[in-house]
Amino acid sequence: MARAAPHGNNQPPKIIIVKKIIDGGHAGHHGGAWKVAYADFVTAMMAFFLLLWLLGATTEKQRKGIADYFAPTLLDKKMTGLGGNGVLGGESILSNNKLGPRAASAPIASIGIPMSMSGGQKSGTGDKGSLRNPAAMQLDKQAFQAIKTQLEKQIKASPRLSKMADHIRFVPTQDGLRIDLVDNADYSMFALGTTALDAKASELIGMIAGTIAGTPNTIMIRGHTDSVPYGDPRAMNNWMLSSGRAEATRRRLALGGIPETRFERIEGVADREPIITSDPGDPRNRRVAITLLYRQGTFGQ
């Protein structure tokens, strides 16, 4: 804004500048609240990427240990209704409870210590605490011995199978009676590298089926191989071969009259359980084990 010069004066007019200052919240847009939110976001992202790193850089066992470390392990006495929240935790000042580092301090003390402080005469090992009835086990042992005797006589009396006597073994185990059909350097129960039973081996398994058909015991079959590898383990390997031979044995027993319900477990363990531990490649490590299992009862029998 300019004022006119006085009349007859050649001086330029004066310029007056008016500055207006408006007091408002203009500076509020440049405050520090957004910095706090951004810091929280960065912290959350850092925690997220740290979690991803832990998942990728640790094993399952290590992750379990980390989870257990952060898992709560203390009992909430208010939630469980144990003891109290006072100084003595619900115990009397004269309590004789000494469970834990301090007297009367354990929240489950009265549950942890039996009143009589003693167990039964057969604690943990009584007849009613086992699924195996001793009387039934004794009968099974007698039946297993009779089966062994009968099979040995039948094999010896057969002109065709008498030479197979060296390939069959009877081994009492804690699970029952195991009948091993074992190869050697001169004879194999199965065609080399296949699950095809040899004719004599098939006849021998049929004889076993006829002998055990009248027993009530369930059966477990386990296949074993030597450690000789295959050219392409993706196409065929000793795991597949041992499992296939166990299944071929099951089928032959089924053809011999063993019902499906008696087969409890069919498995192959490859070369992991050799007989000749000093030489895993020994042909005697190739075998099929047929185990007659002890009968199981029920609690209280």
Foldseek 3Di string as FASTA:
>chain_A
DWDDDDPPDPDGTDDDDDDDDDDDCPCVVVDCPVVVVVVVVVVVVVVVVVVVCCVVVDDPVVVVVVVVVPDDDDDDCVVVVFADDDPLRNDDPPDPQDPDPDRSNDRCRPVVADPVNDDDPQVPHDQLNFQAHPVLVVVQVVLLVVLVVVLLVVQCPDPVRVVQPVQWDWDQDPFAIKIKRFAAPVDDQADPPALHGDPNNLVSLLVSLVSCLPPPFAKEKEWEFFQDFDPDVVVPGQQVRRQSNQVSSVVSSVVSPHDPVRYDYGGYDYLPDAPPVVHSRGRRRGIMMMGGGRDTHHRPD
